[in-house]
Amino acid sequence: MKVYLLSLGAGLLVGVIYSLINVRSPAPPLVALVGLLGILAGEQIVPVARQVMAGHGLAAAWRQAKCAPHMFGMLPGQDDASSKSAAHPNPPEKTS
């Protein structure tokens, strides 16, 4: 969650600076977001195409190229269960 807040803070800071120097953002927000989505998707085309050409199915190629973690990252509220269990293999028991 920290990275999302830092990203939002950086965006707000840039927006304030743009406003102070009377500069408009280079693209409307929706156009900019669609462009970023295109960049992320475009980065995945070559690795997935290589896997497909190697004889793997599209779903297998997607998984082997690790596209989903790259495109979506760790979503808020989805902690890695394996790292939690490794950090606390035997959680303390509650006593009453």
PDB file of N, CA and C in Angstrom:
ATOM      1  N   MET A   1       0.828  -1.184   0.000  1.00  0.00           N
ATOM      2  CA  MET A   1       0.000   0.000   0.000  1.00  0.00           C
ATOM      3  C   MET A   1       0.877   1.255   0.000  1.00  0.00           C
ATOM      4  N   LYS A   2       2.060   1.132   0.598  1.00  0.00           N
ATOM      5  CA  LYS A   2       2.958   2.282   0.691  1.00  0.00           C
ATOM      6  C   LYS A   2       3.345   2.821  -0.692  1.00  0.00           C
ATOM      7  N   VAL A   3       3.623   1.903  -1.640  1.00  0.00           N
ATOM      8  CA  VAL A   3       4.042   2.338  -2.970  1.00  0.00           C
ATOM      9  C   VAL A   3       2.909   3.096  -3.676  1.00  0.00           C
ATOM     10  N   TYR A   4       1.651   2.695  -3.422  1.00  0.00           N
ATOM     11  CA  TYR A   4       0.521   3.385  -4.037  1.00  0.00           C
ATOM     12  C   TYR A   4       0.382   4.801  -3.472  1.00  0.00           C
ATOM     13  N   LEU A   5       0.578   4.933  -2.176  1.00  0.00           N
ATOM     14  CA  LEU A   5       0.495   6.257  -1.559  1.00  0.00           C
ATOM     15  C   LEU A   5       1.638   7.154  -2.029  1.00  0.00           C
ATOM     16  N   LEU A   6       2.828   6.580  -2.151  1.00  0.00           N
ATOM     17  CA  LEU A   6       3.958   7.362  -2.666  1.00  0.00           C
ATOM     18  C   LEU A   6       3.712   7.799  -4.108  1.00  0.00           C
ATOM     19  N   SER A   7       3.158   6.906  -4.914  1.00  0.00           N
ATOM     20  CA  SER A   7       2.852   7.243  -6.304  1.00  0.00           C
ATOM     21  C   SER A   7       1.813   8.357  -6.371  1.00  0.00           C
ATOM     22  N   LEU A   8       0.774   8.232  -5.558  1.00  0.00           N
ATOM     23  CA  LEU A   8      -0.252   9.277  -5.524  1.00  0.00           C
ATOM     24  C   LEU A   8       0.349  10.604  -5.069  1.00  0.00           C
ATOM     25  N   GLY A   9       1.192  10.564  -4.044  1.00  0.00           N
ATOM     26  CA  GLY A   9       1.834  11.787  -3.549  1.00  0.00           C
ATOM     27  C   GLY A   9       2.707  12.439  -4.608  1.00  0.00           C
ATOM     28  N   ALA A  10       3.468  11.618  -5.347  1.00  0.00           N
ATOM     29  CA  ALA A  10       4.319  12.162  -6.411  1.00  0.00           C
ATOM     30  C   ALA A  10       3.463  12.805  -7.495  1.00  0.00           C
ATOM     31  N   GLY A  11       2.359  12.150  -7.844  1.00  0.00           N
ATOM     32  CA  GLY A  11       1.462  12.714  -8.851  1.00  0.00           C
ATOM     33  C   GLY A  11       0.846  14.024  -8.402  1.00  0.00           C
ATOM     34  N   LEU A  12       0.438  14.080  -7.135  1.00  0.00           N
ATOM     35  CA  LEU A  12      -0.125  15.322  -6.609  1.00  0.00           C
ATOM     36  C   LEU A  12       0.910  16.450  -6.619  1.00  0.00           C
ATOM     37  N   LEU A  13       2.137  16.116  -6.233  1.00  0.00           N
ATOM     38  CA  LEU A  13       3.208  17.127  -6.228  1.00  0.00           C
ATOM     39  C   LEU A  13       3.441  17.672  -7.636  1.00  0.00           C
ATOM     40  N   VAL A  14       3.494  16.794  -8.617  1.00  0.00           N
ATOM     41  CA  VAL A  14       3.694  17.240 -10.003  1.00  0.00           C
ATOM     42  C   VAL A  14       2.511  18.090 -10.452  1.00  0.00           C
ATOM     43  N   GLY A  15       1.288  17.694 -10.073  1.00  0.00           N
ATOM     44  CA  GLY A  15       0.106  18.476 -10.427  1.00  0.00           C
ATOM     45  C   GLY A  15       0.143  19.875  -9.833  1.00  0.00           C
ATOM     46  N   VAL A  16       0.582  19.981  -8.581  1.00  0.00           N
ATOM     47  CA  VAL A  16       0.696  21.292  -7.935  1.00  0.00           C
ATOM     48  C   VAL A  16       1.752  22.137  -8.644  1.00  0.00           C
ATOM     49  N   ILE A  17       2.876  21.532  -8.982  1.00  0.00           N
ATOM     50  CA  ILE A  17       3.936  22.273  -9.690  1.00  0.00           C
ATOM     51  C   ILE A  17       3.428  22.745 -11.052  1.00  0.00           C
ATOM     52  N   TYR A  18       2.730  21.868 -11.779  1.00  0.00           N
ATOM     53  CA  TYR A  18       2.148  22.268 -13.072  1.00  0.00           C
ATOM     54  C   TYR A  18       1.216  23.469 -12.883  1.00  0.00           C
ATOM     55  N   SER A  19       0.410  23.413 -11.852  1.00  0.00           N
ATOM     56  CA  SER A  19      -0.545  24.498 -11.610  1.00  0.00           C
ATOM     57  C   SER A  19       0.168  25.800 -11.274  1.00  0.00           C
ATOM     58  N   LEU A  20       1.218  25.715 -10.464  1.00  0.00           N
ATOM     59  CA  LEU A  20       1.948  26.920 -10.063  1.00  0.00           C
ATOM     60  C   LEU A  20       2.642  27.604 -11.239  1.00  0.00           C
ATOM     61  N   ILE A  21       3.101  26.824 -12.202  1.00  0.00           N
ATOM     62  CA  ILE A  21       3.794  27.434 -13.346  1.00  0.00           C
ATOM     63  C   ILE A  21       2.886  27.537 -14.569  1.00  0.00           C
ATOM     64  N   ASN A  22       1.576  27.343 -14.346  1.00  0.00           N
ATOM     65  CA  ASN A  22       0.566  27.486 -15.394  1.00  0.00           C
ATOM     66  C   ASN A  22       0.833  26.622 -16.621  1.00  0.00           C
ATOM     67  N   VAL A  23       1.109  25.345 -16.386  1.00  0.00           N
ATOM     68  CA  VAL A  23       1.338  24.384 -17.456  1.00  0.00           C
ATOM     69  C   VAL A  23       0.245  23.338 -17.372  1.00  0.00           C
ATOM     70  N   ARG A  24      -0.288  22.961 -18.515  1.00  0.00           N
ATOM     71  CA  ARG A  24      -1.295  21.899 -18.558  1.00  0.00           C
ATOM     72  C   ARG A  24      -0.587  20.558 -18.686  1.00  0.00           C
ATOM     73  N   SER A  25      -1.191  19.514 -18.142  1.00  0.00           N
ATOM     74  CA  SER A  25      -0.587  18.186 -18.261  1.00  0.00           C
ATOM     75  C   SER A  25      -0.519  17.806 -19.742  1.00  0.00           C
ATOM     76  N   PRO A  26       0.461  16.988 -20.116  1.00  0.00           N
ATOM     77  CA  PRO A  26       0.673  16.690 -21.523  1.00  0.00           C
ATOM     78  C   PRO A  26      -0.463  15.927 -22.197  1.00  0.00           C
ATOM     79  N   ALA A  27      -1.296  15.246 -21.436  1.00  0.00           N
ATOM     80  CA  ALA A  27      -2.398  14.487 -22.037  1.00  0.00           C
ATOM     81  C   ALA A  27      -3.544  14.425 -21.034  1.00  0.00           C
ATOM     82  N   PRO A  28      -4.767  14.365 -21.526  1.00  0.00           N
ATOM     83  CA  PRO A  28      -5.883  14.175 -20.591  1.00  0.00           C
ATOM     84  C   PRO A  28      -5.664  12.880 -19.802  1.00  0.00           C
ATOM     85  N   PRO A  29      -6.088  12.823 -18.547  1.00  0.00           N
ATOM     86  CA  PRO A  29      -5.799  11.656 -17.708  1.00  0.00           C
ATOM     87  C   PRO A  29      -6.208  10.318 -18.323  1.00  0.00           C
ATOM     88  N   LEU A  30      -7.362  10.229 -18.932  1.00  0.00           N
ATOM     89  CA  LEU A  30      -7.787   8.948 -19.498  1.00  0.00           C
ATOM     90  C   LEU A  30      -6.883   8.543 -20.655  1.00  0.00           C
ATOM     91  N   VAL A  31      -6.492   9.498 -21.480  1.00  0.00           N
ATOM     92  CA  VAL A  31      -5.591   9.197 -22.593  1.00  0.00           C
ATOM     93  C   VAL A  31      -4.244   8.718 -22.057  1.00  0.00           C
ATOM     94  N   ALA A  32      -3.749   9.366 -21.016  1.00  0.00           N
ATOM     95  CA  ALA A  32      -2.470   8.975 -20.428  1.00  0.00           C
ATOM     96  C   ALA A  32      -2.554   7.569 -19.842  1.00  0.00           C
ATOM     97  N   LEU A  33      -3.647   7.252 -19.156  1.00  0.00           N
ATOM     98  CA  LEU A  33      -3.794   5.917 -18.570  1.00  0.00           C
ATOM     99  C   LEU A  33      -3.898   4.838 -19.638  1.00  0.00           C
ATOM    100  N   VAL A  34      -4.618   5.113 -20.702  1.00  0.00           N
ATOM    101  CA  VAL A  34      -4.723   4.146 -21.795  1.00  0.00           C
ATOM    102  C   VAL A  34      -3.344   3.945 -22.429  1.00  0.00           C
ATOM    103  N   GLY A  35      -2.584   5.010 -22.555  1.00  0.00           N
ATOM    104  CA  GLY A  35      -1.226   4.894 -23.086  1.00  0.00           C
ATOM    105  C   GLY A  35      -0.334   4.046 -22.196  1.00  0.00           C
ATOM    106  N   LEU A  36      -0.440   4.228 -20.892  1.00  0.00           N
ATOM    107  CA  LEU A  36       0.344   3.405 -19.962  1.00  0.00           C
ATOM    108  C   LEU A  36      -0.065   1.936 -20.042  1.00  0.00           C
ATOM    109  N   LEU A  37      -1.353   1.681 -20.172  1.00  0.00           N
ATOM    110  CA  LEU A  37      -1.820   0.307 -20.329  1.00  0.00           C
ATOM    111  C   LEU A  37      -1.239  -0.302 -21.606  1.00  0.00           C
ATOM    112  N   GLY A  38      -1.202   0.473 -22.673  1.00  0.00           N
ATOM    113  CA  GLY A  38      -0.614  -0.008 -23.922  1.00  0.00           C
ATOM    114  C   GLY A  38       0.861  -0.334 -23.772  1.00  0.00           C
ATOM    115  N   ILE A  39       1.577   0.482 -23.015  1.00  0.00           N
ATOM    116  CA  ILE A  39       3.002   0.216 -22.780  1.00  0.00           C
ATOM    117  C   ILE A  39       3.165  -1.099 -22.031  1.00  0.00           C
ATOM    118  N   LEU A  40       2.396  -1.274 -20.958  1.00  0.00           N
ATOM    119  CA  LEU A  40       2.491  -2.507 -20.177  1.00  0.00           C
ATOM    120  C   LEU A  40       2.133  -3.732 -21.015  1.00  0.00           C
ATOM    121  N   ALA A  41       1.064  -3.644 -21.783  1.00  0.00           N
ATOM    122  CA  ALA A  41       0.655  -4.765 -22.620  1.00  0.00           C
ATOM    123  C   ALA A  41       1.690  -5.034 -23.708  1.00  0.00           C
ATOM    124  N   GLY A  42       2.224  -3.978 -24.300  1.00  0.00           N
ATOM    125  CA  GLY A  42       3.230  -4.126 -25.343  1.00  0.00           C
ATOM    126  C   GLY A  42       4.497  -4.799 -24.854  1.00  0.00           C
ATOM    127  N   GLU A  43       4.866  -4.555 -23.589  1.00  0.00           N
ATOM    128  CA  GLU A  43       6.041  -5.209 -23.021  1.00  0.00           C
ATOM    129  C   GLU A  43       5.858  -6.718 -22.917  1.00  0.00           C
ATOM    130  N   GLN A  44       4.626  -7.161 -22.870  1.00  0.00           N
ATOM    131  CA  GLN A  44       4.349  -8.586 -22.694  1.00  0.00           C
ATOM    132  C   GLN A  44       4.263  -9.345 -24.012  1.00  0.00           C
ATOM    133  N   ILE A  45       4.123  -8.645 -25.118  1.00  0.00           N
ATOM    134  CA  ILE A  45       3.918  -9.311 -26.407  1.00  0.00           C
ATOM    135  C   ILE A  45       5.097 -10.198 -26.789  1.00  0.00           C
ATOM    136  N   VAL A  46       6.312  -9.695 -26.679  1.00  0.00           N
ATOM    137  CA  VAL A  46       7.476 -10.469 -27.117  1.00  0.00           C
ATOM    138  C   VAL A  46       7.687 -11.714 -26.252  1.00  0.00           C
ATOM    139  N   PRO A  47       7.700 -11.623 -24.906  1.00  0.00           N
ATOM    140  CA  PRO A  47       7.886 -12.847 -24.120  1.00  0.00           C
ATOM    141  C   PRO A  47       6.775 -13.878 -24.347  1.00  0.00           C
ATOM    142  N   VAL A  48       5.539 -13.436 -24.448  1.00  0.00           N
ATOM    143  CA  VAL A  48       4.434 -14.367 -24.669  1.00  0.00           C
ATOM    144  C   VAL A  48       4.540 -14.981 -26.068  1.00  0.00           C
ATOM    145  N   ALA A  49       4.864 -14.182 -27.058  1.00  0.00           N
ATOM    146  CA  ALA A  49       5.006 -14.701 -28.424  1.00  0.00           C
ATOM    147  C   ALA A  49       6.116 -15.747 -28.497  1.00  0.00           C
ATOM    148  N   ARG A  50       7.218 -15.514 -27.777  1.00  0.00           N
ATOM    149  CA  ARG A  50       8.308 -16.499 -27.760  1.00  0.00           C
ATOM    150  C   ARG A  50       7.826 -17.823 -27.172  1.00  0.00           C
ATOM    151  N   GLN A  51       7.070 -17.743 -26.082  1.00  0.00           N
ATOM    152  CA  GLN A  51       6.559 -18.964 -25.445  1.00  0.00           C
ATOM    153  C   GLN A  51       5.577 -19.694 -26.369  1.00  0.00           C
ATOM    154  N   VAL A  52       4.705 -18.935 -27.031  1.00  0.00           N
ATOM    155  CA  VAL A  52       3.729 -19.540 -27.939  1.00  0.00           C
ATOM    156  C   VAL A  52       4.450 -20.199 -29.115  1.00  0.00           C
ATOM    157  N   MET A  53       5.464 -19.536 -29.651  1.00  0.00           N
ATOM    158  CA  MET A  53       6.213 -20.101 -30.769  1.00  0.00           C
ATOM    159  C   MET A  53       7.009 -21.333 -30.346  1.00  0.00           C
ATOM    160  N   ALA A  54       7.300 -21.439 -29.046  1.00  0.00           N
ATOM    161  CA  ALA A  54       8.011 -22.618 -28.532  1.00  0.00           C
ATOM    162  C   ALA A  54       7.062 -23.795 -28.337  1.00  0.00           C
ATOM    163  N   GLY A  55       5.762 -23.569 -28.598  1.00  0.00           N
ATOM    164  CA  GLY A  55       4.813 -24.667 -28.544  1.00  0.00           C
ATOM    165  C   GLY A  55       3.895 -24.668 -27.334  1.00  0.00           C
ATOM    166  N   HIS A  56       4.001 -23.656 -26.485  1.00  0.00           N
ATOM    167  CA  HIS A  56       3.135 -23.580 -25.320  1.00  0.00           C
ATOM    168  C   HIS A  56       1.812 -22.921 -25.713  1.00  0.00           C
ATOM    169  N   GLY A  57       0.752 -23.254 -24.987  1.00  0.00           N
ATOM    170  CA  GLY A  57      -0.527 -22.591 -25.203  1.00  0.00           C
ATOM    171  C   GLY A  57      -0.461 -21.163 -24.681  1.00  0.00           C
ATOM    172  N   LEU A  58      -1.445 -20.354 -25.058  1.00  0.00           N
ATOM    173  CA  LEU A  58      -1.447 -18.947 -24.664  1.00  0.00           C
ATOM    174  C   LEU A  58      -1.488 -18.780 -23.145  1.00  0.00           C
ATOM    175  N   ALA A  59      -2.351 -19.552 -22.462  1.00  0.00           N
ATOM    176  CA  ALA A  59      -2.446 -19.427 -21.001  1.00  0.00           C
ATOM    177  C   ALA A  59      -1.136 -19.820 -20.335  1.00  0.00           C
ATOM    178  N   ALA A  60      -0.523 -20.897 -20.806  1.00  0.00           N
ATOM    179  CA  ALA A  60       0.761 -21.331 -20.245  1.00  0.00           C
ATOM    180  C   ALA A  60       1.846 -20.296 -20.535  1.00  0.00           C
ATOM    181  N   ALA A  61       1.827 -19.733 -21.732  1.00  0.00           N
ATOM    182  CA  ALA A  61       2.813 -18.709 -22.090  1.00  0.00           C
ATOM    183  C   ALA A  61       2.663 -17.483 -21.197  1.00  0.00           C
ATOM    184  N   TRP A  62       1.411 -17.112 -20.915  1.00  0.00           N
ATOM    185  CA  TRP A  62       1.138 -15.963 -20.040  1.00  0.00           C
ATOM    186  C   TRP A  62       1.731 -16.208 -18.657  1.00  0.00           C
ATOM    187  N   ARG A  63       1.509 -17.427 -18.125  1.00  0.00           N
ATOM    188  CA  ARG A  63       2.031 -17.750 -16.790  1.00  0.00           C
ATOM    189  C   ARG A  63       3.546 -17.814 -16.787  1.00  0.00           C
ATOM    190  N   GLN A  64       4.143 -18.456 -17.787  1.00  0.00           N
ATOM    191  CA  GLN A  64       5.592 -18.614 -17.820  1.00  0.00           C
ATOM    192  C   GLN A  64       6.312 -17.287 -18.009  1.00  0.00           C
ATOM    193  N   ALA A  65       5.687 -16.367 -18.720  1.00  0.00           N
ATOM    194  CA  ALA A  65       6.292 -15.048 -18.918  1.00  0.00           C
ATOM    195  C   ALA A  65       6.059 -14.142 -17.709  1.00  0.00           C
ATOM    196  N   LYS A  66       5.264 -14.628 -16.730  1.00  0.00           N
ATOM    197  CA  LYS A  66       4.962 -13.876 -15.502  1.00  0.00           C
ATOM    198  C   LYS A  66       4.386 -12.502 -15.828  1.00  0.00           C
ATOM    199  N   CYS A  67       3.418 -12.486 -16.743  1.00  0.00           N
ATOM    200  CA  CYS A  67       2.821 -11.229 -17.186  1.00  0.00           C
ATOM    201  C   CYS A  67       1.947 -10.577 -16.112  1.00  0.00           C
ATOM    202  N   ALA A  68       1.118 -11.363 -15.456  1.00  0.00           N
ATOM    203  CA  ALA A  68       0.180 -10.793 -14.484  1.00  0.00           C
ATOM    204  C   ALA A  68       0.897 -10.048 -13.363  1.00  0.00           C
ATOM    205  N   PRO A  69       1.943 -10.627 -12.723  1.00  0.00           N
ATOM    206  CA  PRO A  69       2.621  -9.865 -11.666  1.00  0.00           C
ATOM    207  C   PRO A  69       3.266  -8.583 -12.196  1.00  0.00           C
ATOM    208  N   HIS A  70       3.763  -8.636 -13.441  1.00  0.00           N
ATOM    209  CA  HIS A  70       4.396  -7.439 -14.003  1.00  0.00           C
ATOM    210  C   HIS A  70       3.364  -6.349 -14.304  1.00  0.00           C
ATOM    211  N   MET A  71       2.229  -6.745 -14.853  1.00  0.00           N
ATOM    212  CA  MET A  71       1.224  -5.757 -15.243  1.00  0.00           C
ATOM    213  C   MET A  71       0.440  -5.221 -14.058  1.00  0.00           C
ATOM    214  N   PHE A  72       0.152  -6.077 -13.073  1.00  0.00           N
ATOM    215  CA  PHE A  72      -0.727  -5.660 -11.989  1.00  0.00           C
ATOM    216  C   PHE A  72      -0.010  -5.486 -10.663  1.00  0.00           C
ATOM    217  N   GLY A  73       1.184  -6.032 -10.515  1.00  0.00           N
ATOM    218  CA  GLY A  73       1.919  -5.913  -9.276  1.00  0.00           C
ATOM    219  C   GLY A  73       1.171  -6.560  -8.123  1.00  0.00           C
ATOM    220  N   MET A  74       1.626  -6.292  -6.910  1.00  0.00           N
ATOM    221  CA  MET A  74       0.947  -6.790  -5.724  1.00  0.00           C
ATOM    222  C   MET A  74      -0.200  -5.840  -5.429  1.00  0.00           C
ATOM    223  N   LEU A  75      -1.414  -6.330  -5.581  1.00  0.00           N
ATOM    224  CA  LEU A  75      -2.582  -5.503  -5.351  1.00  0.00           C
ATOM    225  C   LEU A  75      -2.781  -5.277  -3.861  1.00  0.00           C
ATOM    226  N   PRO A  76      -3.335  -4.130  -3.464  1.00  0.00           N
ATOM    227  CA  PRO A  76      -3.536  -3.860  -2.034  1.00  0.00           C
ATOM    228  C   PRO A  76      -4.407  -4.930  -1.400  1.00  0.00           C
ATOM    229  N   GLY A  77      -4.033  -5.338  -0.192  1.00  0.00           N
ATOM    230  CA  GLY A  77      -4.817  -6.310   0.551  1.00  0.00           C
ATOM    231  C   GLY A  77      -4.525  -7.744   0.177  1.00  0.00           C
ATOM    232  N   GLN A  78      -3.611  -7.980  -0.752  1.00  0.00           N
ATOM    233  CA  GLN A  78      -3.252  -9.341  -1.141  1.00  0.00           C
ATOM    234  C   GLN A  78      -1.830  -9.624  -0.711  1.00  0.00           C
ATOM    235  N   ASP A  79      -1.666  -9.954   0.565  1.00  0.00           N
ATOM    236  CA  ASP A  79      -0.342 -10.269   1.077  1.00  0.00           C
ATOM    237  C   ASP A  79       0.078 -11.641   0.598  1.00  0.00           C
ATOM    238  N   ASP A  80       1.370 -11.827   0.411  1.00  0.00           N
ATOM    239  CA  ASP A  80       1.896 -13.114  -0.007  1.00  0.00           C
ATOM    240  C   ASP A  80       1.836 -14.060   1.183  1.00  0.00           C
ATOM    241  N   ALA A  81       0.976 -15.057   1.130  1.00  0.00           N
ATOM    242  CA  ALA A  81       0.768 -15.984   2.237  1.00  0.00           C
ATOM    243  C   ALA A  81       2.029 -16.767   2.560  1.00  0.00           C
ATOM    244  N   SER A  82       2.818 -17.102   1.542  1.00  0.00           N
ATOM    245  CA  SER A  82       4.020 -17.894   1.796  1.00  0.00           C
ATOM    246  C   SER A  82       5.044 -17.107   2.601  1.00  0.00           C
ATOM    247  N   SER A  83       5.152 -15.805   2.371  1.00  0.00           N
ATOM    248  CA  SER A  83       6.113 -15.016   3.140  1.00  0.00           C
ATOM    249  C   SER A  83       5.639 -14.838   4.572  1.00  0.00           C
ATOM    250  N   LYS A  84       4.328 -14.763   4.786  1.00  0.00           N
ATOM    251  CA  LYS A  84       3.816 -14.642   6.147  1.00  0.00           C
ATOM    252  C   LYS A  84       4.041 -15.931   6.921  1.00  0.00           C
ATOM    253  N   SER A  85       3.790 -17.080   6.281  1.00  0.00           N
ATOM    254  CA  SER A  85       3.967 -18.344   6.992  1.00  0.00           C
ATOM    255  C   SER A  85       5.440 -18.595   7.270  1.00  0.00           C
ATOM    256  N   ALA A  86       6.327 -18.130   6.392  1.00  0.00           N
ATOM    257  CA  ALA A  86       7.758 -18.303   6.627  1.00  0.00           C
ATOM    258  C   ALA A  86       8.226 -17.401   7.760  1.00  0.00           C
ATOM    259  N   ALA A  87       7.630 -16.215   7.853  1.00  0.00           N
ATOM    260  CA  ALA A  87       8.037 -15.282   8.896  1.00  0.00           C
ATOM    261  C   ALA A  87       7.541 -15.727  10.265  1.00  0.00           C
ATOM    262  N   HIS A  88       6.373 -16.366  10.314  1.00  0.00           N
ATOM    263  CA  HIS A  88       5.774 -16.810  11.567  1.00  0.00           C
ATOM    264  C   HIS A  88       5.315 -18.261  11.425  1.00  0.00           C
ATOM    265  N   PRO A  89       6.275 -19.227  11.448  1.00  0.00           N
ATOM    266  CA  PRO A  89       5.873 -20.610  11.226  1.00  0.00           C
ATOM    267  C   PRO A  89       4.976 -21.159  12.332  1.00  0.00           C
ATOM    268  N   ASN A  90       5.180 -20.722  13.560  1.00  0.00           N
ATOM    269  CA  ASN A  90       4.353 -21.187  14.678  1.00  0.00           C
ATOM    270  C   ASN A  90       3.783 -19.988  15.408  1.00  0.00           C
ATOM    271  N   PRO A  91       2.622 -19.503  14.997  1.00  0.00           N
ATOM    272  CA  PRO A  91       2.056 -18.318  15.639  1.00  0.00           C
ATOM    273  C   PRO A  91       1.760 -18.611  17.107  1.00  0.00           C
ATOM    274  N   PRO A  92       1.932 -17.612  17.966  1.00  0.00           N
ATOM    275  CA  PRO A  92       1.683 -17.836  19.406  1.00  0.00           C
ATOM    276  C   PRO A  92       0.206 -18.149  19.641  1.00  0.00           C
ATOM    277  N   GLU A  93      -0.023 -19.070  20.598  1.00  0.00           N
ATOM    278  CA  GLU A  93      -1.387 -19.439  20.942  1.00  0.00           C
ATOM    279  C   GLU A  93      -1.941 -18.463  21.957  1.00  0.00           C
ATOM    280  N   LYS A  94      -3.243 -18.199  21.837  1.00  0.00           N
ATOM    281  CA  LYS A  94      -3.905 -17.315  22.797  1.00  0.00           C
ATOM    282  C   LYS A  94      -4.283 -18.125  24.024  1.00  0.00           C
ATOM    283  N   THR A  95      -4.050 -17.536  25.158  1.00  0.00           N
ATOM    284  CA  THR A  95      -4.465 -18.173  26.407  1.00  0.00           C
ATOM    285  C   THR A  95      -5.479 -17.296  27.091  1.00  0.00           C
ATOM    286  N   SER A  96      -6.469 -17.920  27.733  1.00  0.00           N
ATOM    287  CA  SER A  96      -7.508 -17.148  28.403  1.00  0.00           C
ATOM    288  C   SER A  96      -7.355 -17.215  29.888  1.00  0.00           C
TER     289      SER A  96
END
